[in-house]
Amino acid sequence: MSSEQLRHRVVRAVTHLVSEWDTMTTSRIAEVVGVDEAELLAMFADKDAVMQAWVSDMTAHMMATLDPAAEVRRLEAVRGDQPVEARLLQVIDILRAYAERVRTELVEHPAQPTGRTDRRSFGIQPEFQAAVARLLEPDEHHLRLPSATLAELFLSMAQSCTRVPNEVQPVRAEHVVALFLHGALVRTAPGVHDTPGT
């Protein structure tokens, strides 16, 4: 086994051992990995060195998983000459794909000891906000607030479309777009609001 293969196996094994780390020994780690303790210690000075390697790998993996570069490129490819409703629906489709990609990656390659991968949303990435702001700019003369501010608000609302279906039913994308553009009140005539029971 190469040193890189050994390191990989050790780091993967530690993911399932973190909960018992206080009482963990290098002999126990070697046993789980399936190597002699001497072979383990030839690469890692002690169990703290093993933990440092695990934290480093976990951090790198999470950063790569959450990297939105591919989705930002898709957002930048959305045509600005479409109606704003069509642009925003495409934004939600891209956000859904991002959320699903992250969930799938974390299920297949868990990077934290709790194994929790049922996140309902994944924080608003600054790169997403900038891309969505650019998509709103063609309509800036109709906007109540700056496009950057509205992009942040829209992304917050759009997260309701990326929830895990078996926990909370996701909100339909067209409903989110309608609420964002037109508000929550149904209008029956110009300047007249519907009231309950009427």
C-alpha atoms as a PDB file:
ATOM      1  CA  MET A   1       0.000   0.000   0.000  1.00  0.00           C
ATOM      2  CA  SER A   2       1.385   3.418  -0.960  1.00  0.00           C
ATOM      3  CA  SER A   3       1.723   6.172   1.628  1.00  0.00           C
ATOM      4  CA  GLU A   4      -1.030   8.147  -0.111  1.00  0.00           C
ATOM      5  CA  GLN A   5      -3.378   5.145  -0.028  1.00  0.00           C
ATOM      6  CA  LEU A   6      -2.626   4.623   3.665  1.00  0.00           C
ATOM      7  CA  ARG A   7      -3.276   8.267   4.439  1.00  0.00           C
ATOM      8  CA  HIS A   8      -6.578   8.145   2.595  1.00  0.00           C
ATOM      9  CA  ARG A   9      -7.706   5.001   4.429  1.00  0.00           C
ATOM     10  CA  VAL A  10      -6.752   6.471   7.799  1.00  0.00           C
ATOM     11  CA  VAL A  11      -8.584   9.721   7.163  1.00  0.00           C
ATOM     12  CA  ARG A  12     -11.690   7.883   5.984  1.00  0.00           C
ATOM     13  CA  ALA A  13     -11.624   5.639   9.041  1.00  0.00           C
ATOM     14  CA  VAL A  14     -11.343   8.591  11.416  1.00  0.00           C
ATOM     15  CA  THR A  15     -14.667   9.966  10.141  1.00  0.00           C
ATOM     16  CA  HIS A  16     -16.364   7.063  11.926  1.00  0.00           C
ATOM     17  CA  LEU A  17     -14.159   7.225  15.036  1.00  0.00           C
ATOM     18  CA  VAL A  18     -14.387  10.889  16.029  1.00  0.00           C
ATOM     19  CA  SER A  19     -17.161  10.284  18.548  1.00  0.00           C
ATOM     20  CA  GLU A  20     -14.819   8.077  20.611  1.00  0.00           C
ATOM     21  CA  TRP A  21     -11.734  10.206  20.070  1.00  0.00           C
ATOM     22  CA  ASP A  22     -11.065  10.987  23.761  1.00  0.00           C
ATOM     23  CA  THR A  23     -10.394   7.315  24.481  1.00  0.00           C
ATOM     24  CA  MET A  24      -8.987   6.461  21.066  1.00  0.00           C
ATOM     25  CA  THR A  25      -5.495   4.990  20.676  1.00  0.00           C
ATOM     26  CA  THR A  26      -3.262   4.610  17.689  1.00  0.00           C
ATOM     27  CA  SER A  27      -3.576   0.848  18.027  1.00  0.00           C
ATOM     28  CA  ARG A  28      -7.359   1.155  17.696  1.00  0.00           C
ATOM     29  CA  ILE A  29      -6.993   3.364  14.622  1.00  0.00           C
ATOM     30  CA  ALA A  30      -4.581   0.869  13.077  1.00  0.00           C
ATOM     31  CA  GLU A  31      -7.021  -1.949  13.829  1.00  0.00           C
ATOM     32  CA  VAL A  32      -9.900  -0.166  12.081  1.00  0.00           C
ATOM     33  CA  VAL A  33      -7.725   0.736   9.107  1.00  0.00           C
ATOM     34  CA  GLY A  34      -6.369  -2.806   8.901  1.00  0.00           C
ATOM     35  CA  VAL A  35      -2.669  -2.092   9.258  1.00  0.00           C
ATOM     36  CA  ASP A  36       0.002  -2.625  11.901  1.00  0.00           C
ATOM     37  CA  GLU A  37       0.351   0.157  14.467  1.00  0.00           C
ATOM     38  CA  ALA A  38       4.023   0.522  13.478  1.00  0.00           C
ATOM     39  CA  GLU A  39       2.984   1.208   9.887  1.00  0.00           C
ATOM     40  CA  LEU A  40       0.502   3.822  11.074  1.00  0.00           C
ATOM     41  CA  LEU A  41       3.091   5.520  13.301  1.00  0.00           C
ATOM     42  CA  ALA A  42       5.575   5.642  10.449  1.00  0.00           C
ATOM     43  CA  MET A  43       3.261   8.172   8.809  1.00  0.00           C
ATOM     44  CA  PHE A  44       1.570   9.840  11.798  1.00  0.00           C
ATOM     45  CA  ALA A  45       3.527  10.728  14.936  1.00  0.00           C
ATOM     46  CA  ASP A  46       0.484  10.269  17.181  1.00  0.00           C
ATOM     47  CA  LYS A  47      -3.286  10.372  17.140  1.00  0.00           C
ATOM     48  CA  ASP A  48      -3.260  14.192  17.160  1.00  0.00           C
ATOM     49  CA  ALA A  49      -1.415  14.102  13.851  1.00  0.00           C
ATOM     50  CA  VAL A  50      -4.120  11.793  12.539  1.00  0.00           C
ATOM     51  CA  MET A  51      -6.772  14.272  13.667  1.00  0.00           C
ATOM     52  CA  GLN A  52      -4.961  17.154  11.981  1.00  0.00           C
ATOM     53  CA  ALA A  53      -4.895  15.219   8.713  1.00  0.00           C
ATOM     54  CA  TRP A  54      -8.611  14.467   9.038  1.00  0.00           C
ATOM     55  CA  VAL A  55      -9.511  18.112   9.716  1.00  0.00           C
ATOM     56  CA  SER A  56      -7.399  19.245   6.762  1.00  0.00           C
ATOM     57  CA  ASP A  57      -9.046  16.768   4.402  1.00  0.00           C
ATOM     58  CA  MET A  58     -12.529  17.528   5.721  1.00  0.00           C
ATOM     59  CA  THR A  59     -12.033  21.258   5.219  1.00  0.00           C
ATOM     60  CA  ALA A  60     -10.713  20.828   1.690  1.00  0.00           C
ATOM     61  CA  HIS A  61     -13.551  18.471   0.811  1.00  0.00           C
ATOM     62  CA  MET A  62     -16.223  20.808   2.155  1.00  0.00           C
ATOM     63  CA  MET A  63     -14.764  23.792   0.307  1.00  0.00           C
ATOM     64  CA  ALA A  64     -14.712  21.837  -2.952  1.00  0.00           C
ATOM     65  CA  THR A  65     -18.250  20.548  -2.417  1.00  0.00           C
ATOM     66  CA  LEU A  66     -19.697  23.976  -1.658  1.00  0.00           C
ATOM     67  CA  ASP A  67     -17.796  25.731  -4.458  1.00  0.00           C
ATOM     68  CA  PRO A  68     -20.534  27.340  -6.610  1.00  0.00           C
ATOM     69  CA  ALA A  69     -18.326  28.059  -9.645  1.00  0.00           C
ATOM     70  CA  ALA A  70     -20.198  25.717 -12.017  1.00  0.00           C
ATOM     71  CA  GLU A  71     -23.592  27.065 -10.974  1.00  0.00           C
ATOM     72  CA  VAL A  72     -22.393  30.678 -11.236  1.00  0.00           C
ATOM     73  CA  ARG A  73     -21.337  29.989 -14.828  1.00  0.00           C
ATOM     74  CA  ARG A  74     -24.869  28.724 -15.512  1.00  0.00           C
ATOM     75  CA  LEU A  75     -26.356  31.845 -13.927  1.00  0.00           C
ATOM     76  CA  GLU A  76     -24.121  34.052 -16.049  1.00  0.00           C
ATOM     77  CA  ALA A  77     -25.367  32.220 -19.158  1.00  0.00           C
ATOM     78  CA  VAL A  78     -29.032  33.080 -18.461  1.00  0.00           C
ATOM     79  CA  ARG A  79     -30.181  35.498 -21.156  1.00  0.00           C
ATOM     80  CA  GLY A  80     -30.997  38.978 -19.902  1.00  0.00           C
ATOM     81  CA  ASP A  81     -33.436  39.712 -22.733  1.00  0.00           C
ATOM     82  CA  GLN A  82     -36.001  37.248 -21.344  1.00  0.00           C
ATOM     83  CA  PRO A  83     -38.905  38.371 -19.135  1.00  0.00           C
ATOM     84  CA  VAL A  84     -37.766  38.758 -15.538  1.00  0.00           C
ATOM     85  CA  GLU A  85     -40.083  35.909 -14.460  1.00  0.00           C
ATOM     86  CA  ALA A  86     -38.307  33.508 -16.819  1.00  0.00           C
ATOM     87  CA  ARG A  87     -34.896  34.625 -15.582  1.00  0.00           C
ATOM     88  CA  LEU A  88     -35.818  34.094 -11.949  1.00  0.00           C
ATOM     89  CA  LEU A  89     -37.331  30.664 -12.594  1.00  0.00           C
ATOM     90  CA  GLN A  90     -34.047  29.628 -14.177  1.00  0.00           C
ATOM     91  CA  VAL A  91     -32.210  30.927 -11.117  1.00  0.00           C
ATOM     92  CA  ILE A  92     -34.301  28.656  -8.894  1.00  0.00           C
ATOM     93  CA  ASP A  93     -33.646  25.647 -11.145  1.00  0.00           C
ATOM     94  CA  ILE A  94     -29.900  26.291 -10.853  1.00  0.00           C
ATOM     95  CA  LEU A  95     -30.112  26.700  -7.067  1.00  0.00           C
ATOM     96  CA  ARG A  96     -32.020  23.424  -6.793  1.00  0.00           C
ATOM     97  CA  ALA A  97     -29.350  21.647  -8.803  1.00  0.00           C
ATOM     98  CA  TYR A  98     -26.663  23.128  -6.560  1.00  0.00           C
ATOM     99  CA  ALA A  99     -28.434  22.038  -3.383  1.00  0.00           C
ATOM    100  CA  GLU A 100     -28.987  18.537  -4.732  1.00  0.00           C
ATOM    101  CA  ARG A 101     -25.369  18.241  -5.838  1.00  0.00           C
ATOM    102  CA  VAL A 102     -24.130  19.232  -2.393  1.00  0.00           C
ATOM    103  CA  ARG A 103     -26.497  16.844  -0.604  1.00  0.00           C
ATOM    104  CA  THR A 104     -25.540  13.951  -2.875  1.00  0.00           C
ATOM    105  CA  GLU A 105     -21.823  14.606  -2.399  1.00  0.00           C
ATOM    106  CA  LEU A 106     -22.158  14.741   1.377  1.00  0.00           C
ATOM    107  CA  VAL A 107     -24.136  11.489   1.446  1.00  0.00           C
ATOM    108  CA  GLU A 108     -21.586   9.667  -0.709  1.00  0.00           C
ATOM    109  CA  HIS A 109     -18.568  11.207   1.006  1.00  0.00           C
ATOM    110  CA  PRO A 110     -19.537  12.264   4.523  1.00  0.00           C
ATOM    111  CA  ALA A 111     -17.138  14.847   5.868  1.00  0.00           C
ATOM    112  CA  GLN A 112     -18.404  15.240   9.402  1.00  0.00           C
ATOM    113  CA  PRO A 113     -18.964  12.753  12.221  1.00  0.00           C
ATOM    114  CA  THR A 114     -22.666  13.427  12.716  1.00  0.00           C
ATOM    115  CA  GLY A 115     -23.418  12.238   9.190  1.00  0.00           C
ATOM    116  CA  ARG A 116     -26.085  14.960   8.915  1.00  0.00           C
ATOM    117  CA  THR A 117     -26.756  15.595   5.242  1.00  0.00           C
ATOM    118  CA  ASP A 118     -30.427  16.645   5.331  1.00  0.00           C
ATOM    119  CA  ARG A 119     -29.773  20.360   5.257  1.00  0.00           C
ATOM    120  CA  ARG A 120     -32.747  22.372   4.083  1.00  0.00           C
ATOM    121  CA  SER A 121     -30.650  25.143   2.587  1.00  0.00           C
ATOM    122  CA  PHE A 122     -27.075  26.089   1.920  1.00  0.00           C
ATOM    123  CA  GLY A 123     -26.403  29.761   2.846  1.00  0.00           C
ATOM    124  CA  ILE A 124     -26.524  32.476   0.259  1.00  0.00           C
ATOM    125  CA  GLN A 125     -23.244  32.448  -1.625  1.00  0.00           C
ATOM    126  CA  PRO A 126     -21.910  35.946  -2.478  1.00  0.00           C
ATOM    127  CA  GLU A 127     -21.191  34.698  -5.997  1.00  0.00           C
ATOM    128  CA  PHE A 128     -24.875  33.789  -6.410  1.00  0.00           C
ATOM    129  CA  GLN A 129     -25.948  37.190  -5.144  1.00  0.00           C
ATOM    130  CA  ALA A 130     -23.735  39.024  -7.616  1.00  0.00           C
ATOM    131  CA  ALA A 131     -24.933  36.886 -10.532  1.00  0.00           C
ATOM    132  CA  VAL A 132     -28.616  37.345  -9.648  1.00  0.00           C
ATOM    133  CA  ALA A 133     -28.107  41.097  -9.226  1.00  0.00           C
ATOM    134  CA  ARG A 134     -26.776  41.218 -12.788  1.00  0.00           C
ATOM    135  CA  LEU A 135     -29.881  39.365 -14.001  1.00  0.00           C
ATOM    136  CA  LEU A 136     -32.089  42.006 -12.369  1.00  0.00           C
ATOM    137  CA  GLU A 137     -30.206  44.968 -13.817  1.00  0.00           C
ATOM    138  CA  PRO A 138     -32.127  45.056 -17.149  1.00  0.00           C
ATOM    139  CA  ASP A 139     -35.227  45.969 -15.110  1.00  0.00           C
ATOM    140  CA  GLU A 140     -33.458  48.300 -12.685  1.00  0.00           C
ATOM    141  CA  HIS A 141     -35.604  51.304 -13.651  1.00  0.00           C
ATOM    142  CA  HIS A 142     -38.653  49.371 -12.397  1.00  0.00           C
ATOM    143  CA  LEU A 143     -37.116  48.126  -9.132  1.00  0.00           C
ATOM    144  CA  ARG A 144     -38.031  49.542  -5.720  1.00  0.00           C
ATOM    145  CA  LEU A 145     -34.593  48.741  -4.293  1.00  0.00           C
ATOM    146  CA  PRO A 146     -31.069  48.304  -5.691  1.00  0.00           C
ATOM    147  CA  SER A 147     -30.584  45.084  -7.639  1.00  0.00           C
ATOM    148  CA  ALA A 148     -27.971  43.807  -5.147  1.00  0.00           C
ATOM    149  CA  THR A 149     -30.423  44.187  -2.253  1.00  0.00           C
ATOM    150  CA  LEU A 150     -33.220  42.505  -4.167  1.00  0.00           C
ATOM    151  CA  ALA A 151     -30.903  39.679  -5.228  1.00  0.00           C
ATOM    152  CA  GLU A 152     -30.185  38.906  -1.571  1.00  0.00           C
ATOM    153  CA  LEU A 153     -33.906  38.976  -0.739  1.00  0.00           C
ATOM    154  CA  PHE A 154     -34.763  36.737  -3.678  1.00  0.00           C
ATOM    155  CA  LEU A 155     -32.106  34.182  -2.792  1.00  0.00           C
ATOM    156  CA  SER A 156     -33.456  34.046   0.763  1.00  0.00           C
ATOM    157  CA  MET A 157     -36.931  33.335  -0.581  1.00  0.00           C
ATOM    158  CA  ALA A 158     -35.657  30.869  -3.170  1.00  0.00           C
ATOM    159  CA  GLN A 159     -34.158  28.657  -0.471  1.00  0.00           C
ATOM    160  CA  SER A 160     -37.699  27.526   0.330  1.00  0.00           C
ATOM    161  CA  CYS A 161     -37.599  25.734  -3.037  1.00  0.00           C
ATOM    162  CA  THR A 162     -34.486  23.710  -2.148  1.00  0.00           C
ATOM    163  CA  ARG A 163     -35.733  22.009   1.014  1.00  0.00           C
ATOM    164  CA  VAL A 164     -35.573  18.250   1.413  1.00  0.00           C
ATOM    165  CA  PRO A 165     -39.044  17.058   0.284  1.00  0.00           C
ATOM    166  CA  ASN A 166     -39.438  14.419   3.003  1.00  0.00           C
ATOM    167  CA  GLU A 167     -39.012  17.052   5.728  1.00  0.00           C
ATOM    168  CA  VAL A 168     -40.879  20.112   4.522  1.00  0.00           C
ATOM    169  CA  GLN A 169     -42.654  20.335   1.198  1.00  0.00           C
ATOM    170  CA  PRO A 170     -40.678  22.707  -1.027  1.00  0.00           C
ATOM    171  CA  VAL A 171     -42.490  25.829  -2.209  1.00  0.00           C
ATOM    172  CA  ARG A 172     -43.187  25.863  -5.933  1.00  0.00           C
ATOM    173  CA  ALA A 173     -40.786  28.027  -7.895  1.00  0.00           C
ATOM    174  CA  GLU A 174     -43.504  29.968  -9.691  1.00  0.00           C
ATOM    175  CA  HIS A 175     -45.074  30.862  -6.345  1.00  0.00           C
ATOM    176  CA  VAL A 176     -41.782  32.215  -5.021  1.00  0.00           C
ATOM    177  CA  VAL A 177     -41.240  34.295  -8.167  1.00  0.00           C
ATOM    178  CA  ALA A 178     -44.809  35.662  -8.021  1.00  0.00           C
ATOM    179  CA  LEU A 179     -44.443  36.596  -4.355  1.00  0.00           C
ATOM    180  CA  PHE A 180     -41.122  38.279  -5.008  1.00  0.00           C
ATOM    181  CA  LEU A 181     -42.374  40.312  -7.967  1.00  0.00           C
ATOM    182  CA  HIS A 182     -45.962  41.047  -6.937  1.00  0.00           C
ATOM    183  CA  GLY A 183     -46.222  40.585  -3.156  1.00  0.00           C
ATOM    184  CA  ALA A 184     -48.567  38.446  -1.080  1.00  0.00           C
ATOM    185  CA  LEU A 185     -51.832  40.301  -1.709  1.00  0.00           C
ATOM    186  CA  VAL A 186     -54.202  39.269  -4.497  1.00  0.00           C
ATOM    187  CA  ARG A 187     -55.581  42.272  -6.339  1.00  0.00           C
ATOM    188  CA  THR A 188     -59.059  42.074  -7.932  1.00  0.00           C
ATOM    189  CA  ALA A 189     -58.883  45.567  -9.396  1.00  0.00           C
ATOM    190  CA  PRO A 190     -56.362  48.373  -9.456  1.00  0.00           C
ATOM    191  CA  GLY A 191     -55.918  49.662  -5.921  1.00  0.00           C
ATOM    192  CA  VAL A 192     -58.411  47.161  -4.437  1.00  0.00           C
ATOM    193  CA  HIS A 193     -57.204  44.291  -2.241  1.00  0.00           C
ATOM    194  CA  ASP A 194     -59.029  41.022  -1.712  1.00  0.00           C
ATOM    195  CA  THR A 195     -60.084  40.451   1.893  1.00  0.00           C
ATOM    196  CA  PRO A 196     -60.750  37.064   3.504  1.00  0.00           C
ATOM    197  CA  GLY A 197     -64.259  35.827   2.849  1.00  0.00           C
ATOM    198  CA  THR A 198     -64.985  38.225   0.000  1.00  0.00           C
END
